[in-house]
Amino acid sequence: MEQKHSLNGRILISSEPEESNTQLLYFTCSSLAHNDERIYMMSDKNGSPNVVVRDLFEGTEQMLTNNTKGILKSYVYFDGTAREGLGKASVCLDCEREIIYFIQDDKICRSSREGGIVVLNTVPDGRMTAFTHVSSDGKRLCVPMTDGRILDYDPDTEGSGLDKRPIYNIDGRVQEEHLNSYLCVYDTESGALLFEKTVPNCWITHVQFNPQNPELIMYNHEWPSLDCGIRRIWVYDHQQDTLCRIRVEGDDTLGNPGGYVRKAEDWVCHEMWSDDGKTIIYHGGYADGPAMVGRYELSTKRYWEIALPDDYDAYGHFTMDHQGNLVCDGYFKYPWEVKKVYENSTDNGPDPHKKDAEYICKVIPDWDAGTLTWIPLCKHESDWLGQDAHPHPIYSHTGDRIFFNSRMDRFVNVYCVSSR
């Protein structure tokens, strides 16, 4: 692999020019080709964000989109332009076939290294999109949509913080005005709409096909205004046409030596499937207790939740490699350490934890014993200012490296570190 320079074990992956932003695709999909030889990223080095693929051995790059209109308005990118620009939240990668899917203006598109851009379908008028996902067999693309009223506001006069998110409670508007979300599933070859499932009183932003069964789609209720501990994670069974709530209240959690009880008032976030499609990993925090990371088994309806130490109170994400090891960009700290103070209050979400973590850690869970082994690999030192500066670490397919975003100065870059 080409190595530009190393800092604290990190290797810079981003390309020139230095005064531009480059970031991974969202962590619900991989950013790496199946053989780990190429990495797919978003970069604004040409003025507007576009998707680029970089050969990790040769250092060459190829641009796969031709956006010149800035950022499309969608979830997370609240101050983007309606129906114009690249949907940064929409880009997902079929890593086996190396095909990317994305929304440009109001068009649902695909592109690859071998060919040009193909328009598959169009986003209906009056809808807002979010993070998309492609099935593991490469045949289906799920595009979550919500009634456009959900983000019907002027970011300049009614927005707050760095990302100009609405000053009103978004989920509150959903509940009061009975807004709908839609699981829209398209054929990736013909672009035909295979089905559309309406989910009432819901704001869906994350969707993920089960890796072994594309009839199952995990989705979320984003930023719940009530009952976050039991409203966040759901699974839609298309074959049965059923919506199943995943986390419910109860005291039957396994591997939980702290004895914490699952409550509606908990905070739960960032769900993901295991490779075998049998379990769901998530993290969050107990309403009257510490942060935690959890696992749910679909067939048995069993929960495992491991409480973190009380002083692990820094926001972060957990993702997983193919062997079940976790990686985290938050929470960890040495007992003697005094953290830096980051001026990132503009990015406060509904989570209860501070955004001041600095480490990329490999985390080895023993679910039955209720223990986590934390192995700090390097400091990411991101300032956490806005979604793009969240590290969102992911493993390579072989599990030997971890890739992550960081903004240590003015610009976001992509780095990797050895996980061995």
Protein backbone atom coordinates (compact mmCIF):
# COMPACT_ATOMS: atom_id res chain seq x y z
CA MET A 1 0.00 0.00 0.00
CA GLU A 2 1.16 3.50 -0.76
CA GLN A 3 2.02 5.26 2.48
CA LYS A 4 2.06 9.04 2.49
CA HIS A 5 3.09 9.53 6.07
CA SER A 6 2.48 7.99 9.45
CA LEU A 7 1.31 9.71 12.61
CA ASN A 8 0.84 7.78 15.83
CA GLY A 9 0.46 4.57 13.84
CA ARG A 10 -2.02 6.10 11.42
CA ILE A 11 -1.47 6.03 7.68
CA LEU A 12 -3.06 8.76 5.56
CA ILE A 13 -5.17 7.41 2.70
CA SER A 14 -6.72 10.62 1.35
CA SER A 15 -5.37 12.07 -1.88
CA GLU A 16 -4.26 15.52 -2.91
CA PRO A 17 -5.10 18.35 -2.79
CA GLU A 18 -4.62 18.64 0.93
CA GLU A 19 -7.15 21.49 1.26
CA SER A 20 -10.18 19.33 0.58
CA ASN A 21 -12.35 16.86 2.46
CA THR A 22 -12.32 13.11 1.88
CA GLN A 23 -14.35 10.61 3.88
CA LEU A 24 -15.48 7.00 3.95
CA LEU A 25 -18.90 5.91 2.83
CA TYR A 26 -21.34 5.49 5.71
CA PHE A 27 -20.51 2.56 7.96
CA THR A 28 -23.66 0.54 7.18
CA CYS A 29 -21.78 -0.64 4.09
CA SER A 30 -18.12 -1.35 3.48
CA SER A 31 -15.95 1.23 1.73
CA LEU A 32 -13.55 -1.46 0.53
CA ALA A 33 -13.62 -3.78 -2.46
CA HIS A 34 -14.03 -7.45 -1.55
CA ASN A 35 -10.28 -8.05 -1.99
CA ASP A 36 -9.27 -4.93 -0.01
CA GLU A 37 -7.33 -3.60 -3.01
CA ARG A 38 -9.49 -0.50 -3.60
CA ILE A 39 -11.25 1.94 -1.32
CA TYR A 40 -14.36 3.94 -2.22
CA MET A 41 -14.63 7.41 -0.70
CA MET A 42 -16.36 10.77 -1.10
CA SER A 43 -14.19 13.79 -1.87
CA ASP A 44 -14.89 17.46 -2.59
CA LYS A 45 -11.49 18.14 -4.15
CA ASN A 46 -13.24 19.29 -7.35
CA GLY A 47 -15.47 21.74 -5.48
CA SER A 48 -18.52 19.49 -5.04
CA PRO A 49 -18.64 16.07 -3.37
CA ASN A 50 -18.13 13.09 -5.66
CA VAL A 51 -17.40 9.41 -5.23
CA VAL A 52 -13.85 8.32 -6.00
CA VAL A 53 -12.22 4.90 -5.98
CA ARG A 54 -8.56 4.70 -4.98
CA ASP A 55 -6.20 1.83 -5.69
CA LEU A 56 -4.45 1.17 -2.39
CA PHE A 57 -1.37 -0.30 -4.07
CA GLU A 58 -0.89 1.98 -7.06
CA GLY A 59 -2.25 5.17 -5.49
CA THR A 60 -4.31 5.97 -8.60
CA GLU A 61 -7.83 7.38 -8.39
CA GLN A 62 -10.91 7.35 -10.57
CA MET A 63 -13.99 9.54 -10.14
CA LEU A 64 -17.25 7.63 -10.47
CA THR A 65 -19.77 10.47 -10.28
CA ASN A 66 -19.92 13.84 -12.01
CA ASN A 67 -21.66 16.06 -9.48
CA THR A 68 -21.12 19.82 -9.77
CA LYS A 69 -24.15 20.98 -7.77
CA GLY A 70 -23.03 20.61 -4.16
CA ILE A 71 -24.84 18.54 -1.53
CA LEU A 72 -28.39 17.22 -1.78
CA LYS A 73 -30.64 18.02 1.19
CA SER A 74 -31.30 14.86 3.19
CA TYR A 75 -30.91 13.41 6.65
CA VAL A 76 -27.71 14.66 8.34
CA TYR A 77 -27.10 17.09 5.46
CA PHE A 78 -29.89 19.41 6.52
CA ASP A 79 -28.56 22.54 4.81
CA GLY A 80 -28.13 20.91 1.41
CA THR A 81 -30.18 21.89 -1.64
CA ALA A 82 -33.56 20.25 -2.24
CA ARG A 83 -33.50 17.88 -5.24
CA GLU A 84 -30.10 19.09 -6.39
CA GLY A 85 -26.59 17.78 -5.78
CA LEU A 86 -25.08 14.50 -4.60
CA GLY A 87 -26.87 12.72 -1.78
CA LYS A 88 -23.85 12.09 0.45
CA ALA A 89 -26.05 9.97 2.70
CA SER A 90 -27.21 7.94 -0.30
CA VAL A 91 -23.91 6.42 -1.43
CA CYS A 92 -23.52 2.70 -0.77
CA LEU A 93 -21.19 0.08 -2.19
CA ASP A 94 -21.81 -3.44 -3.41
CA CYS A 95 -18.29 -4.53 -2.45
CA GLU A 96 -18.43 -7.91 -4.21
CA ARG A 97 -19.31 -6.47 -7.62
CA GLU A 98 -17.78 -3.03 -6.97
CA ILE A 99 -20.88 -1.10 -7.95
CA ILE A 100 -21.88 2.07 -6.15
CA TYR A 101 -25.43 3.35 -5.77
CA PHE A 102 -26.27 6.97 -5.10
CA ILE A 103 -28.83 9.73 -5.52
CA GLN A 104 -27.95 12.63 -7.80
CA ASP A 105 -30.51 15.45 -7.82
CA ASP A 106 -33.76 13.41 -7.91
CA LYS A 107 -32.27 10.40 -9.73
CA ILE A 108 -31.41 7.03 -8.19
CA CYS A 109 -28.22 5.90 -9.95
CA ARG A 110 -25.51 3.28 -10.14
CA SER A 111 -21.92 3.46 -11.36
CA SER A 112 -18.83 1.27 -11.51
CA ARG A 113 -15.18 1.37 -12.57
CA GLU A 114 -16.04 -0.37 -15.83
CA GLY A 115 -18.88 1.80 -17.04
CA GLY A 116 -20.65 5.12 -16.80
CA ILE A 117 -23.58 6.28 -14.74
CA VAL A 118 -26.92 4.50 -15.15
CA VAL A 119 -30.15 6.13 -13.95
CA LEU A 120 -32.33 3.48 -12.31
CA ASN A 121 -35.35 5.45 -11.12
CA THR A 122 -36.52 8.78 -9.71
CA VAL A 123 -37.26 9.89 -6.16
CA PRO A 124 -40.95 10.88 -6.02
CA ASP A 125 -41.79 14.53 -5.41
CA GLY A 126 -42.35 15.51 -1.81
CA ARG A 127 -40.03 12.96 -0.21
CA MET A 128 -36.78 13.19 1.74
CA THR A 129 -34.15 10.44 1.49
CA ALA A 130 -31.45 9.09 3.81
CA PHE A 131 -28.84 6.28 3.98
CA THR A 132 -29.41 3.56 1.38
CA HIS A 133 -28.35 -0.10 1.33
CA VAL A 134 -27.77 -2.83 -1.28
CA SER A 135 -28.51 -6.50 -0.62
CA SER A 136 -25.59 -8.91 -0.36
CA ASP A 137 -26.65 -10.67 -3.58
CA GLY A 138 -26.47 -7.32 -5.37
CA LYS A 139 -30.04 -7.56 -6.68
CA ARG A 140 -31.94 -5.10 -4.48
CA LEU A 141 -31.43 -1.52 -3.39
CA CYS A 142 -33.39 -0.09 -0.45
CA VAL A 143 -33.91 3.67 -0.45
CA PRO A 144 -35.58 4.95 2.75
CA MET A 145 -37.85 7.93 2.19
CA THR A 146 -39.97 10.12 4.46
CA ASP A 147 -42.67 12.68 3.74
CA GLY A 148 -40.81 15.85 2.84
CA ARG A 149 -42.64 17.84 5.50
CA ILE A 150 -40.21 16.30 7.99
CA LEU A 151 -37.49 18.75 6.90
CA ASP A 152 -39.73 21.55 5.70
CA TYR A 153 -37.90 24.55 7.15
CA ASP A 154 -35.35 27.24 6.32
CA PRO A 155 -31.94 26.12 7.65
CA ASP A 156 -30.68 29.71 7.76
CA THR A 157 -33.49 31.05 9.96
CA GLU A 158 -34.83 27.89 11.63
CA GLY A 159 -31.66 25.81 11.86
CA SER A 160 -29.23 25.42 14.72
CA GLY A 161 -25.66 24.29 15.15
CA LEU A 162 -22.97 23.47 12.66
CA ASP A 163 -25.25 21.29 10.52
CA LYS A 164 -28.22 23.69 10.77
CA ARG A 165 -30.54 20.93 11.94
CA PRO A 166 -34.13 22.05 12.65
CA ILE A 167 -34.81 23.81 15.92
CA TYR A 168 -38.05 21.83 16.22
CA ASN A 169 -38.21 18.23 17.44
CA ILE A 170 -38.23 16.27 14.19
CA ASP A 171 -39.75 13.08 15.57
CA GLY A 172 -42.22 15.25 17.48
CA ARG A 173 -43.41 16.65 14.15
CA VAL A 174 -43.64 13.10 12.79
CA GLN A 175 -45.89 12.02 15.64
CA GLU A 176 -48.03 15.18 15.71
CA GLU A 177 -48.58 15.35 11.96
CA HIS A 178 -48.62 11.57 11.36
CA LEU A 179 -45.86 11.61 8.78
CA ASN A 180 -44.90 8.39 7.01
CA SER A 181 -41.66 6.74 5.99
CA TYR A 182 -41.32 4.33 3.09
CA LEU A 183 -39.06 1.34 2.51
CA CYS A 184 -38.60 1.57 -1.26
CA VAL A 185 -36.86 -1.44 -2.78
CA TYR A 186 -35.60 -1.32 -6.37
CA ASP A 187 -34.23 -3.88 -8.80
CA THR A 188 -30.56 -2.93 -9.25
CA GLU A 189 -30.52 -4.04 -12.89
CA SER A 190 -33.79 -2.71 -14.33
CA GLY A 191 -34.42 0.01 -11.74
CA ALA A 192 -38.00 -1.17 -11.30
CA LEU A 193 -39.67 -0.52 -7.94
CA LEU A 194 -40.11 -4.02 -6.53
CA PHE A 195 -42.16 -2.91 -3.54
CA GLU A 196 -42.80 0.00 -1.22
CA LYS A 197 -43.69 -0.52 2.43
CA THR A 198 -45.31 2.38 4.26
CA VAL A 199 -44.29 2.74 7.91
CA PRO A 200 -46.59 5.24 9.66
CA ASN A 201 -45.51 7.78 12.29
CA CYS A 202 -41.87 7.04 11.62
CA TRP A 203 -38.67 8.73 10.46
CA ILE A 204 -36.43 6.11 8.84
CA THR A 205 -32.82 7.04 8.13
CA HIS A 206 -30.92 3.72 8.35
CA VAL A 207 -31.79 0.55 6.41
CA GLN A 208 -29.84 -2.70 6.15
CA PHE A 209 -30.75 -5.92 4.34
CA ASN A 210 -30.12 -9.08 6.32
CA PRO A 211 -26.86 -10.49 4.86
CA GLN A 212 -28.39 -13.94 4.38
CA ASN A 213 -32.02 -13.06 3.62
CA PRO A 214 -32.91 -9.94 1.60
CA GLU A 215 -36.56 -10.38 2.58
CA LEU A 216 -35.58 -9.00 6.00
CA ILE A 217 -34.77 -5.29 6.25
CA MET A 218 -33.62 -3.72 9.49
CA TYR A 219 -34.68 -0.10 9.87
CA ASN A 220 -34.80 2.56 12.58
CA HIS A 221 -36.89 5.28 14.14
CA GLU A 222 -34.42 8.18 14.09
CA TRP A 223 -34.01 10.49 17.10
CA PRO A 224 -37.10 9.20 18.93
CA SER A 225 -38.81 11.91 20.94
CA LEU A 226 -40.05 9.24 23.34
CA ASP A 227 -39.22 5.64 24.24
CA CYS A 228 -35.85 5.61 22.43
CA GLY A 229 -34.84 2.42 24.23
CA ILE A 230 -37.59 0.42 22.54
CA ARG A 231 -38.48 2.43 19.42
CA ARG A 232 -35.11 2.62 17.67
CA ILE A 233 -34.59 -0.82 16.05
CA TRP A 234 -37.11 -2.70 13.88
CA VAL A 235 -37.10 -5.44 11.24
CA TYR A 236 -39.47 -5.59 8.30
CA ASP A 237 -40.20 -9.10 6.99
CA HIS A 238 -41.33 -8.55 3.42
CA GLN A 239 -42.40 -12.15 2.94
CA GLN A 240 -44.69 -12.02 5.98
CA ASP A 241 -45.39 -8.27 5.64
CA THR A 242 -44.71 -7.74 9.34
CA LEU A 243 -42.92 -5.04 11.34
CA CYS A 244 -41.09 -6.40 14.39
CA ARG A 245 -39.78 -4.31 17.28
CA ILE A 246 -36.32 -5.62 18.28
CA ARG A 247 -35.51 -4.20 21.72
CA VAL A 248 -38.25 -4.35 24.34
CA GLU A 249 -38.35 -3.65 28.06
CA GLY A 250 -37.26 -6.47 30.34
CA ASP A 251 -34.84 -7.84 32.92
CA ASP A 252 -33.85 -11.03 31.09
CA THR A 253 -30.59 -9.70 29.62
CA LEU A 254 -27.76 -12.25 29.47
CA GLY A 255 -24.08 -11.52 30.12
CA ASN A 256 -24.97 -8.43 32.12
CA PRO A 257 -23.19 -8.56 35.50
CA GLY A 258 -24.42 -5.04 36.29
CA GLY A 259 -27.99 -6.27 36.29
CA TYR A 260 -29.30 -3.31 34.29
CA VAL A 261 -32.88 -3.57 33.09
CA ARG A 262 -33.92 -2.64 29.57
CA LYS A 263 -36.20 0.40 29.69
CA ALA A 264 -38.08 2.55 27.23
CA GLU A 265 -36.12 5.54 28.56
CA ASP A 266 -32.76 4.07 27.49
CA TRP A 267 -30.89 5.42 24.48
CA VAL A 268 -30.12 2.95 21.66
CA CYS A 269 -28.36 3.60 18.37
CA HIS A 270 -26.23 2.37 15.42
CA GLU A 271 -27.61 -1.11 14.86
CA MET A 272 -25.93 -3.55 12.45
CA TRP A 273 -26.28 -7.18 11.36
CA SER A 274 -23.74 -9.90 12.08
CA ASP A 275 -22.41 -11.66 8.97
CA ASP A 276 -24.57 -14.73 9.52
CA GLY A 277 -27.70 -12.61 9.77
CA LYS A 278 -28.63 -14.25 13.09
CA THR A 279 -27.85 -11.39 15.46
CA ILE A 280 -28.03 -7.61 15.64
CA ILE A 281 -25.35 -5.51 17.34
CA TYR A 282 -26.20 -2.09 18.78
CA HIS A 283 -24.99 0.33 21.42
CA GLY A 284 -26.37 3.07 23.60
CA GLY A 285 -26.82 3.90 27.24
CA TYR A 286 -29.04 3.00 30.16
CA ALA A 287 -31.42 5.70 31.35
CA ASP A 288 -30.00 5.74 34.85
CA GLY A 289 -26.68 4.10 34.20
CA PRO A 290 -23.63 3.77 31.98
CA ALA A 291 -23.12 3.28 28.26
CA MET A 292 -23.49 -0.24 26.90
CA VAL A 293 -23.10 -2.38 23.81
CA GLY A 294 -25.67 -5.06 23.05
CA ARG A 295 -26.52 -8.06 20.93
CA TYR A 296 -29.91 -9.54 20.03
CA GLU A 297 -30.52 -13.01 18.59
CA LEU A 298 -33.52 -13.22 16.27
CA SER A 299 -34.30 -16.93 16.61
CA THR A 300 -34.32 -17.00 20.42
CA LYS A 301 -35.22 -13.35 21.14
CA ARG A 302 -32.35 -13.24 23.61
CA TYR A 303 -30.41 -10.14 24.61
CA TRP A 304 -26.82 -9.73 25.72
CA GLU A 305 -25.79 -6.27 26.94
CA ILE A 306 -22.43 -5.33 28.37
CA ALA A 307 -22.25 -2.18 30.48
CA LEU A 308 -19.18 0.02 29.99
CA PRO A 309 -17.20 1.55 32.88
CA ASP A 310 -18.81 4.66 34.34
CA ASP A 311 -16.07 6.95 33.04
CA TYR A 312 -16.44 5.63 29.47
CA ASP A 313 -18.88 8.44 28.75
CA ALA A 314 -17.62 9.65 25.36
CA TYR A 315 -19.83 9.13 22.31
CA GLY A 316 -18.68 6.57 19.77
CA HIS A 317 -19.69 3.91 17.27
CA PHE A 318 -19.20 0.14 17.22
CA THR A 319 -18.78 -1.86 14.02
CA MET A 320 -17.68 -5.45 13.53
CA ASP A 321 -15.30 -7.57 11.46
CA HIS A 322 -16.10 -10.95 9.94
CA GLN A 323 -14.89 -12.78 13.07
CA GLY A 324 -17.12 -10.88 15.51
CA ASN A 325 -14.45 -8.50 16.84
CA LEU A 326 -15.62 -4.93 17.34
CA VAL A 327 -13.96 -1.61 16.61
CA CYS A 328 -14.90 1.59 18.40
CA ASP A 329 -14.04 5.28 17.97
CA GLY A 330 -15.34 6.39 21.36
CA TYR A 331 -15.76 5.62 25.06
CA PHE A 332 -12.23 4.40 25.85
CA LYS A 333 -9.94 6.44 28.09
CA TYR A 334 -6.94 5.71 30.28
CA PRO A 335 -7.67 6.20 34.01
CA TRP A 336 -5.02 8.90 34.37
CA GLU A 337 -5.88 10.76 31.21
CA VAL A 338 -7.20 14.31 31.01
CA LYS A 339 -9.17 14.71 27.80
CA LYS A 340 -8.96 17.60 25.41
CA VAL A 341 -11.89 20.00 25.41
CA TYR A 342 -13.54 20.11 21.99
CA GLU A 343 -15.80 22.97 20.92
CA ASN A 344 -18.30 20.67 19.25
CA SER A 345 -21.50 21.50 21.12
CA THR A 346 -23.09 22.41 17.78
CA ASP A 347 -23.21 18.72 16.93
CA ASN A 348 -25.09 17.57 20.02
CA GLY A 349 -27.75 15.03 19.14
CA PRO A 350 -30.22 13.19 21.35
CA ASP A 351 -27.51 10.91 22.73
CA PRO A 352 -26.46 11.46 26.35
CA HIS A 353 -22.71 11.22 25.78
CA LYS A 354 -20.04 13.81 25.06
CA LYS A 355 -18.25 13.90 21.71
CA ASP A 356 -14.67 14.09 22.93
CA ALA A 357 -13.25 10.59 22.39
CA GLU A 358 -9.83 10.29 20.78
CA TYR A 359 -9.02 6.61 20.28
CA ILE A 360 -9.57 3.89 17.73
CA CYS A 361 -9.83 0.66 19.71
CA LYS A 362 -10.18 -2.96 18.79
CA VAL A 363 -12.75 -4.40 21.18
CA ILE A 364 -13.08 -8.13 21.80
CA PRO A 365 -16.43 -9.07 23.36
CA ASP A 366 -17.20 -12.13 25.46
CA TRP A 367 -20.96 -11.88 25.39
CA ASP A 368 -21.70 -14.69 27.81
CA ALA A 369 -19.15 -13.49 30.36
CA GLY A 370 -20.26 -9.88 29.93
CA THR A 371 -16.75 -8.55 29.30
CA LEU A 372 -15.05 -6.35 26.73
CA THR A 373 -11.30 -6.32 26.07
CA TRP A 374 -10.25 -2.87 24.83
CA ILE A 375 -7.09 -2.63 22.71
CA PRO A 376 -6.27 1.01 21.83
CA LEU A 377 -4.60 1.11 18.41
CA CYS A 378 -4.07 4.82 17.82
CA LYS A 379 -5.52 8.24 18.46
CA HIS A 380 -7.88 9.46 15.76
CA GLU A 381 -8.01 12.95 17.33
CA SER A 382 -11.00 14.02 15.26
CA ASP A 383 -12.76 17.17 16.45
CA TRP A 384 -16.20 15.52 15.95
CA LEU A 385 -17.47 18.74 14.37
CA GLY A 386 -20.33 17.48 12.24
CA GLN A 387 -21.26 14.14 10.73
CA ASP A 388 -18.36 13.99 8.28
CA ALA A 389 -15.80 14.28 11.09
CA HIS A 390 -17.21 11.28 12.96
CA PRO A 391 -14.52 8.61 12.59
CA HIS A 392 -16.98 5.74 11.81
CA PRO A 393 -14.22 3.10 11.78
CA ILE A 394 -14.56 -0.04 9.67
CA TYR A 395 -12.44 -3.17 9.33
CA SER A 396 -10.89 -4.34 6.09
CA HIS A 397 -12.42 -7.59 4.87
CA THR A 398 -9.39 -9.56 6.04
CA GLY A 399 -9.59 -7.83 9.41
CA ASP A 400 -5.97 -6.72 9.41
CA ARG A 401 -6.61 -2.97 9.10
CA ILE A 402 -9.10 -0.41 10.31
CA PHE A 403 -10.05 2.64 8.24
CA PHE A 404 -11.55 5.80 9.73
CA ASN A 405 -12.24 9.50 9.19
CA SER A 406 -10.63 12.31 11.15
CA ARG A 407 -10.49 16.08 11.07
CA MET A 408 -7.51 17.23 13.08
CA ASP A 409 -7.37 20.66 11.45
CA ARG A 410 -9.75 22.19 8.91
CA PHE A 411 -10.29 19.20 6.65
CA VAL A 412 -11.55 15.64 6.94
CA ASN A 413 -9.20 12.87 5.81
CA VAL A 414 -9.25 9.07 5.75
CA TYR A 415 -6.66 7.08 7.68
CA CYS A 416 -5.96 3.46 8.43
CA VAL A 417 -4.20 1.63 11.23
CA SER A 418 -3.13 -1.99 11.72
CA SER A 419 -5.50 -4.02 13.88
CA ARG A 420 -2.92 -6.72 14.62
